[in-house]
Amino acid sequence: MDELQEMREQLAALKEKLNKQEVVNDRLIRDVLNQKMKVINKNGWISGLCGLFVITFGNFVFYRMGLSVWFLIGTTIMMIFCAAATWISHSWVKPSEITNGDLLRVAKQALRLQKVYKNWKYIALPMILVWLTWFAWESAAEMRDTTMWMSIMLGGTIGGLIGGMIGFRQNKKVINELGEMIYHIEEMSDLDDENDNAEN
């Protein structure tokens, strides 16, 4: 009888230890996820603000170059679309849900956001090519100095390549950060299953 009581006490102590460990692990994982999401959201805000900068400063330069109103409107629509798409998709993964909500739901939303970043090139590249072609055509029609036009196009191409490489690196960084978030949640879910099996 004493041995049975002792076993019960040991099982109760083990269960309490597992519960405490689970709470600590849960809090640590949520803190890590919040930190990663802050970095991801920071990148999103910077990207969106760059788009708004092009709308204000860029359109002013294009206007001074004598480009058409339709080009300015097209540029504005494109930049608003990019900024809005970025900010809206980032809103799917809510910090409050990471802190206190269902982490499996967070993982699903993180995976959804990761797919947006993976597929973004299929939208962004054609859009950029159309915009660059339009810009080259309009600027060539407005500028009579061929040398000046060639200089602008060369500078724009070099700037575009540098910007594209920076954007590609940022895109890859966000995809990797989201992948790590999903991995941590899956790892924690597996640990919870192991704890449940140990208790049973």
C-alpha atoms as a PDB file:
ATOM      1  CA  MET A   1       0.000   0.000   0.000  1.00  0.00           C
ATOM      2  CA  ASP A   2       2.860   2.374   0.850  1.00  0.00           C
ATOM      3  CA  GLU A   3       4.560   1.553  -2.448  1.00  0.00           C
ATOM      4  CA  LEU A   4       1.356   2.375  -4.357  1.00  0.00           C
ATOM      5  CA  GLN A   5       1.042   5.700  -2.531  1.00  0.00           C
ATOM      6  CA  GLU A   6       4.692   6.459  -3.242  1.00  0.00           C
ATOM      7  CA  MET A   7       4.168   5.740  -6.962  1.00  0.00           C
ATOM      8  CA  ARG A   8       1.153   8.055  -7.007  1.00  0.00           C
ATOM      9  CA  GLU A   9       3.187  10.820  -5.393  1.00  0.00           C
ATOM     10  CA  GLN A  10       6.004  10.326  -7.893  1.00  0.00           C
ATOM     11  CA  LEU A  11       3.555  10.454 -10.805  1.00  0.00           C
ATOM     12  CA  ALA A  12       1.969  13.608  -9.389  1.00  0.00           C
ATOM     13  CA  ALA A  13       5.407  15.232  -8.993  1.00  0.00           C
ATOM     14  CA  LEU A  14       6.355  14.228 -12.556  1.00  0.00           C
ATOM     15  CA  LYS A  15       3.089  15.625 -13.913  1.00  0.00           C
ATOM     16  CA  GLU A  16       3.640  18.900 -12.043  1.00  0.00           C
ATOM     17  CA  LYS A  17       7.190  19.120 -13.377  1.00  0.00           C
ATOM     18  CA  LEU A  18       6.011  18.505 -16.931  1.00  0.00           C
ATOM     19  CA  ASN A  19       3.279  21.138 -16.580  1.00  0.00           C
ATOM     20  CA  LYS A  20       5.778  23.728 -15.295  1.00  0.00           C
ATOM     21  CA  GLN A  21       8.202  22.883 -18.092  1.00  0.00           C
ATOM     22  CA  GLU A  22       5.389  23.191 -20.633  1.00  0.00           C
ATOM     23  CA  VAL A  23       4.443  26.664 -19.336  1.00  0.00           C
ATOM     24  CA  VAL A  24       8.085  27.836 -19.460  1.00  0.00           C
ATOM     25  CA  ASN A  25       8.592  26.425 -22.965  1.00  0.00           C
ATOM     26  CA  ASP A  26       5.349  27.998 -24.148  1.00  0.00           C
ATOM     27  CA  ARG A  27       6.376  31.447 -22.878  1.00  0.00           C
ATOM     28  CA  LEU A  28       9.900  31.184 -24.322  1.00  0.00           C
ATOM     29  CA  ILE A  29       8.601  30.093 -27.735  1.00  0.00           C
ATOM     30  CA  ARG A  30       6.034  32.915 -27.811  1.00  0.00           C
ATOM     31  CA  ASP A  31       8.754  35.464 -26.932  1.00  0.00           C
ATOM     32  CA  VAL A  32      10.955  34.167 -29.767  1.00  0.00           C
ATOM     33  CA  LEU A  33       8.027  34.275 -32.209  1.00  0.00           C
ATOM     34  CA  ASN A  34       7.178  37.843 -31.205  1.00  0.00           C
ATOM     35  CA  GLN A  35      10.783  38.944 -31.766  1.00  0.00           C
ATOM     36  CA  LYS A  36      10.868  37.346 -35.198  1.00  0.00           C
ATOM     37  CA  MET A  37       7.529  38.909 -36.151  1.00  0.00           C
ATOM     38  CA  LYS A  38       8.803  42.353 -35.111  1.00  0.00           C
ATOM     39  CA  VAL A  39      11.715  41.988 -37.555  1.00  0.00           C
ATOM     40  CA  ILE A  40       9.364  40.801 -40.311  1.00  0.00           C
ATOM     41  CA  ASN A  41       6.903  43.646 -39.719  1.00  0.00           C
ATOM     42  CA  LYS A  42       9.752  46.169 -39.685  1.00  0.00           C
ATOM     43  CA  ASN A  43      10.752  45.016 -43.170  1.00  0.00           C
ATOM     44  CA  GLY A  44       7.138  45.271 -44.283  1.00  0.00           C
ATOM     45  CA  TRP A  45       6.774  48.831 -43.015  1.00  0.00           C
ATOM     46  CA  ILE A  46      10.042  49.893 -44.657  1.00  0.00           C
ATOM     47  CA  SER A  47       8.925  48.406 -47.997  1.00  0.00           C
ATOM     48  CA  GLY A  48       5.569  50.161 -47.777  1.00  0.00           C
ATOM     49  CA  LEU A  49       7.163  53.493 -46.876  1.00  0.00           C
ATOM     50  CA  CYS A  50       9.538  53.183 -49.840  1.00  0.00           C
ATOM     51  CA  GLY A  51       6.472  52.881 -52.074  1.00  0.00           C
ATOM     52  CA  LEU A  52       4.941  56.008 -50.545  1.00  0.00           C
ATOM     53  CA  PHE A  53       8.272  57.827 -51.050  1.00  0.00           C
ATOM     54  CA  VAL A  54       8.140  57.015 -54.774  1.00  0.00           C
ATOM     55  CA  ILE A  55       4.591  58.414 -54.925  1.00  0.00           C
ATOM     56  CA  THR A  56       5.692  61.768 -53.487  1.00  0.00           C
ATOM     57  CA  PHE A  57       9.313  62.402 -54.484  1.00  0.00           C
ATOM     58  CA  GLY A  58       9.402  60.109 -57.539  1.00  0.00           C
ATOM     59  CA  ASN A  59       6.259  61.539 -59.101  1.00  0.00           C
ATOM     60  CA  PHE A  60       7.592  65.060 -58.536  1.00  0.00           C
ATOM     61  CA  VAL A  61      10.735  64.157 -60.529  1.00  0.00           C
ATOM     62  CA  PHE A  62       8.701  62.453 -63.250  1.00  0.00           C
ATOM     63  CA  TYR A  63       6.447  65.499 -63.505  1.00  0.00           C
ATOM     64  CA  ARG A  64       9.478  67.786 -63.874  1.00  0.00           C
ATOM     65  CA  MET A  65      10.750  65.493 -66.633  1.00  0.00           C
ATOM     66  CA  GLY A  66       7.513  66.151 -68.520  1.00  0.00           C
ATOM     67  CA  LEU A  67       6.117  62.639 -68.308  1.00  0.00           C
ATOM     68  CA  SER A  68       2.380  62.217 -68.842  1.00  0.00           C
ATOM     69  CA  VAL A  69      -0.279  62.451 -66.162  1.00  0.00           C
ATOM     70  CA  TRP A  70      -1.281  58.889 -67.035  1.00  0.00           C
ATOM     71  CA  PHE A  71       2.227  57.694 -66.189  1.00  0.00           C
ATOM     72  CA  LEU A  72       2.073  59.483 -62.834  1.00  0.00           C
ATOM     73  CA  ILE A  73      -1.338  57.958 -62.115  1.00  0.00           C
ATOM     74  CA  GLY A  74      -0.101  54.493 -63.144  1.00  0.00           C
ATOM     75  CA  THR A  75       2.968  54.829 -60.902  1.00  0.00           C
ATOM     76  CA  THR A  76       0.806  55.968 -57.981  1.00  0.00           C
ATOM     77  CA  ILE A  77      -1.639  53.057 -58.385  1.00  0.00           C
ATOM     78  CA  MET A  78       1.229  50.551 -58.597  1.00  0.00           C
ATOM     79  CA  MET A  79       2.932  51.888 -55.459  1.00  0.00           C
ATOM     80  CA  ILE A  80      -0.327  52.049 -53.469  1.00  0.00           C
ATOM     81  CA  PHE A  81      -1.105  48.466 -54.507  1.00  0.00           C
ATOM     82  CA  CYS A  82       2.358  47.263 -53.388  1.00  0.00           C
ATOM     83  CA  ALA A  83       2.232  49.113 -50.045  1.00  0.00           C
ATOM     84  CA  ALA A  84      -1.352  48.014 -49.299  1.00  0.00           C
ATOM     85  CA  ALA A  85      -0.672  44.373 -50.257  1.00  0.00           C
ATOM     86  CA  THR A  86       2.386  44.320 -47.967  1.00  0.00           C
ATOM     87  CA  TRP A  87       0.678  45.885 -44.949  1.00  0.00           C
ATOM     88  CA  ILE A  88      -2.538  43.867 -45.301  1.00  0.00           C
ATOM     89  CA  SER A  89      -0.712  40.529 -45.615  1.00  0.00           C
ATOM     90  CA  HIS A  90       1.430  41.367 -42.553  1.00  0.00           C
ATOM     91  CA  SER A  91      -1.724  42.033 -40.532  1.00  0.00           C
ATOM     92  CA  TRP A  92      -2.682  38.349 -40.824  1.00  0.00           C
ATOM     93  CA  VAL A  93      -0.150  37.363 -38.131  1.00  0.00           C
ATOM     94  CA  LYS A  94      -1.315  39.296 -35.073  1.00  0.00           C
ATOM     95  CA  PRO A  95       1.082  39.944 -32.140  1.00  0.00           C
ATOM     96  CA  SER A  96      -1.775  39.493 -29.647  1.00  0.00           C
ATOM     97  CA  GLU A  97      -2.451  36.012 -30.996  1.00  0.00           C
ATOM     98  CA  ILE A  98       1.235  35.111 -30.758  1.00  0.00           C
ATOM     99  CA  THR A  99       1.257  36.241 -27.115  1.00  0.00           C
ATOM    100  CA  ASN A 100      -1.970  34.627 -25.907  1.00  0.00           C
ATOM    101  CA  GLY A 101      -3.706  32.874 -28.784  1.00  0.00           C
ATOM    102  CA  ASP A 102      -3.649  29.547 -30.604  1.00  0.00           C
ATOM    103  CA  LEU A 103      -0.153  28.946 -31.995  1.00  0.00           C
ATOM    104  CA  LEU A 104      -1.415  26.475 -34.587  1.00  0.00           C
ATOM    105  CA  ARG A 105      -3.525  29.288 -36.041  1.00  0.00           C
ATOM    106  CA  VAL A 106      -0.424  31.532 -35.943  1.00  0.00           C
ATOM    107  CA  ALA A 107       1.494  28.844 -37.882  1.00  0.00           C
ATOM    108  CA  LYS A 108      -1.233  28.723 -40.551  1.00  0.00           C
ATOM    109  CA  GLN A 109      -1.203  32.513 -40.940  1.00  0.00           C
ATOM    110  CA  ALA A 110       2.612  32.559 -41.028  1.00  0.00           C
ATOM    111  CA  LEU A 111       2.540  29.908 -43.767  1.00  0.00           C
ATOM    112  CA  ARG A 112      -0.022  31.994 -45.656  1.00  0.00           C
ATOM    113  CA  LEU A 113       2.232  35.076 -45.409  1.00  0.00           C
ATOM    114  CA  GLN A 114       5.266  33.019 -46.453  1.00  0.00           C
ATOM    115  CA  LYS A 115       3.422  31.911 -49.620  1.00  0.00           C
ATOM    116  CA  VAL A 116       2.721  35.567 -50.459  1.00  0.00           C
ATOM    117  CA  TYR A 117       6.438  36.359 -50.263  1.00  0.00           C
ATOM    118  CA  LYS A 118       7.367  33.264 -52.285  1.00  0.00           C
ATOM    119  CA  ASN A 119       4.850  34.114 -55.030  1.00  0.00           C
ATOM    120  CA  TRP A 120       5.426  37.898 -54.989  1.00  0.00           C
ATOM    121  CA  LYS A 121       8.034  37.708 -57.788  1.00  0.00           C
ATOM    122  CA  TYR A 122       5.360  36.460 -60.195  1.00  0.00           C
ATOM    123  CA  ILE A 123       3.467  39.721 -59.638  1.00  0.00           C
ATOM    124  CA  ALA A 124       6.332  42.150 -59.049  1.00  0.00           C
ATOM    125  CA  LEU A 125       8.605  41.249 -61.988  1.00  0.00           C
ATOM    126  CA  PRO A 126       5.978  41.650 -64.766  1.00  0.00           C
ATOM    127  CA  MET A 127       4.734  44.856 -63.102  1.00  0.00           C
ATOM    128  CA  ILE A 128       8.276  46.296 -62.973  1.00  0.00           C
ATOM    129  CA  LEU A 129       8.983  45.343 -66.601  1.00  0.00           C
ATOM    130  CA  VAL A 130       5.790  47.047 -67.782  1.00  0.00           C
ATOM    131  CA  TRP A 131       6.597  50.159 -65.730  1.00  0.00           C
ATOM    132  CA  LEU A 132      10.208  50.346 -66.976  1.00  0.00           C
ATOM    133  CA  THR A 133       9.112  49.939 -70.609  1.00  0.00           C
ATOM    134  CA  TRP A 134       6.521  52.692 -70.163  1.00  0.00           C
ATOM    135  CA  PHE A 135       9.079  54.944 -68.480  1.00  0.00           C
ATOM    136  CA  ALA A 136      11.682  54.365 -71.237  1.00  0.00           C
ATOM    137  CA  TRP A 137       9.137  55.071 -73.969  1.00  0.00           C
ATOM    138  CA  GLU A 138       7.787  58.266 -72.385  1.00  0.00           C
ATOM    139  CA  SER A 139      11.178  59.650 -71.334  1.00  0.00           C
ATOM    140  CA  ALA A 140      12.605  59.004 -74.829  1.00  0.00           C
ATOM    141  CA  ALA A 141       9.693  60.921 -76.377  1.00  0.00           C
ATOM    142  CA  GLU A 142      10.220  63.886 -74.017  1.00  0.00           C
ATOM    143  CA  MET A 143      14.015  64.134 -74.042  1.00  0.00           C
ATOM    144  CA  ARG A 144      15.676  65.325 -77.271  1.00  0.00           C
ATOM    145  CA  ASP A 145      19.191  64.815 -75.920  1.00  0.00           C
ATOM    146  CA  THR A 146      19.930  61.145 -76.643  1.00  0.00           C
ATOM    147  CA  THR A 147      23.096  61.162 -74.504  1.00  0.00           C
ATOM    148  CA  MET A 148      21.168  62.467 -71.498  1.00  0.00           C
ATOM    149  CA  TRP A 149      18.444  59.883 -72.055  1.00  0.00           C
ATOM    150  CA  MET A 150      20.998  57.065 -72.274  1.00  0.00           C
ATOM    151  CA  SER A 151      22.670  58.317 -69.068  1.00  0.00           C
ATOM    152  CA  ILE A 152      19.324  58.323 -67.231  1.00  0.00           C
ATOM    153  CA  MET A 153      18.472  54.830 -68.488  1.00  0.00           C
ATOM    154  CA  LEU A 154      21.921  53.493 -67.529  1.00  0.00           C
ATOM    155  CA  GLY A 155      21.705  55.039 -64.065  1.00  0.00           C
ATOM    156  CA  GLY A 156      18.161  53.762 -63.672  1.00  0.00           C
ATOM    157  CA  THR A 157      19.201  50.249 -64.741  1.00  0.00           C
ATOM    158  CA  ILE A 158      22.115  50.150 -62.288  1.00  0.00           C
ATOM    159  CA  GLY A 159      19.922  51.549 -59.497  1.00  0.00           C
ATOM    160  CA  GLY A 160      17.195  49.058 -60.369  1.00  0.00           C
ATOM    161  CA  LEU A 161      19.623  46.127 -60.229  1.00  0.00           C
ATOM    162  CA  ILE A 162      20.975  47.240 -56.853  1.00  0.00           C
ATOM    163  CA  GLY A 163      17.450  47.788 -55.523  1.00  0.00           C
ATOM    164  CA  GLY A 164      16.381  44.421 -56.920  1.00  0.00           C
ATOM    165  CA  MET A 165      19.236  42.608 -55.164  1.00  0.00           C
ATOM    166  CA  ILE A 166      18.412  44.341 -51.875  1.00  0.00           C
ATOM    167  CA  GLY A 167      14.735  43.490 -52.308  1.00  0.00           C
ATOM    168  CA  PHE A 168      15.560  39.860 -53.144  1.00  0.00           C
ATOM    169  CA  ARG A 169      17.702  39.563 -50.002  1.00  0.00           C
ATOM    170  CA  GLN A 170      14.956  41.089 -47.849  1.00  0.00           C
ATOM    171  CA  ASN A 171      12.368  38.794 -49.425  1.00  0.00           C
ATOM    172  CA  LYS A 172      14.526  35.726 -48.729  1.00  0.00           C
ATOM    173  CA  LYS A 173      15.169  36.902 -45.161  1.00  0.00           C
ATOM    174  CA  VAL A 174      11.425  37.217 -44.453  1.00  0.00           C
ATOM    175  CA  ILE A 175      10.733  33.781 -45.967  1.00  0.00           C
ATOM    176  CA  ASN A 176      13.446  32.237 -43.753  1.00  0.00           C
ATOM    177  CA  GLU A 177      12.195  34.040 -40.611  1.00  0.00           C
ATOM    178  CA  LEU A 178       8.643  32.814 -41.241  1.00  0.00           C
ATOM    179  CA  GLY A 179       9.993  29.300 -41.853  1.00  0.00           C
ATOM    180  CA  GLU A 180      11.734  29.383 -38.471  1.00  0.00           C
ATOM    181  CA  MET A 181       8.522  30.566 -36.798  1.00  0.00           C
ATOM    182  CA  ILE A 182       6.584  27.669 -38.304  1.00  0.00           C
ATOM    183  CA  TYR A 183       9.351  25.225 -37.287  1.00  0.00           C
ATOM    184  CA  HIS A 184       9.324  26.434 -33.655  1.00  0.00           C
ATOM    185  CA  ILE A 185       5.537  26.062 -33.442  1.00  0.00           C
ATOM    186  CA  GLU A 186       5.630  22.560 -34.942  1.00  0.00           C
ATOM    187  CA  GLU A 187       8.444  21.603 -32.559  1.00  0.00           C
ATOM    188  CA  MET A 188       6.429  22.870 -29.603  1.00  0.00           C
ATOM    189  CA  SER A 189       3.340  21.002 -30.811  1.00  0.00           C
ATOM    190  CA  ASP A 190       5.370  17.759 -30.969  1.00  0.00           C
ATOM    191  CA  LEU A 191       6.671  18.410 -27.440  1.00  0.00           C
ATOM    192  CA  ASP A 192       3.110  18.906 -26.178  1.00  0.00           C
ATOM    193  CA  ASP A 193       2.131  15.558 -27.719  1.00  0.00           C
ATOM    194  CA  GLU A 194       5.070  13.866 -25.993  1.00  0.00           C
ATOM    195  CA  ASN A 195       4.091  15.410 -22.646  1.00  0.00           C
ATOM    196  CA  ASP A 196       0.494  14.232 -23.102  1.00  0.00           C
ATOM    197  CA  ASN A 197       1.719  10.705 -23.824  1.00  0.00           C
ATOM    198  CA  ALA A 198       3.992  10.814 -20.753  1.00  0.00           C
ATOM    199  CA  GLU A 199       1.078  11.854 -18.543  1.00  0.00           C
ATOM    200  CA  ASN A 200      -1.064   9.034 -19.895  1.00  0.00           C
END
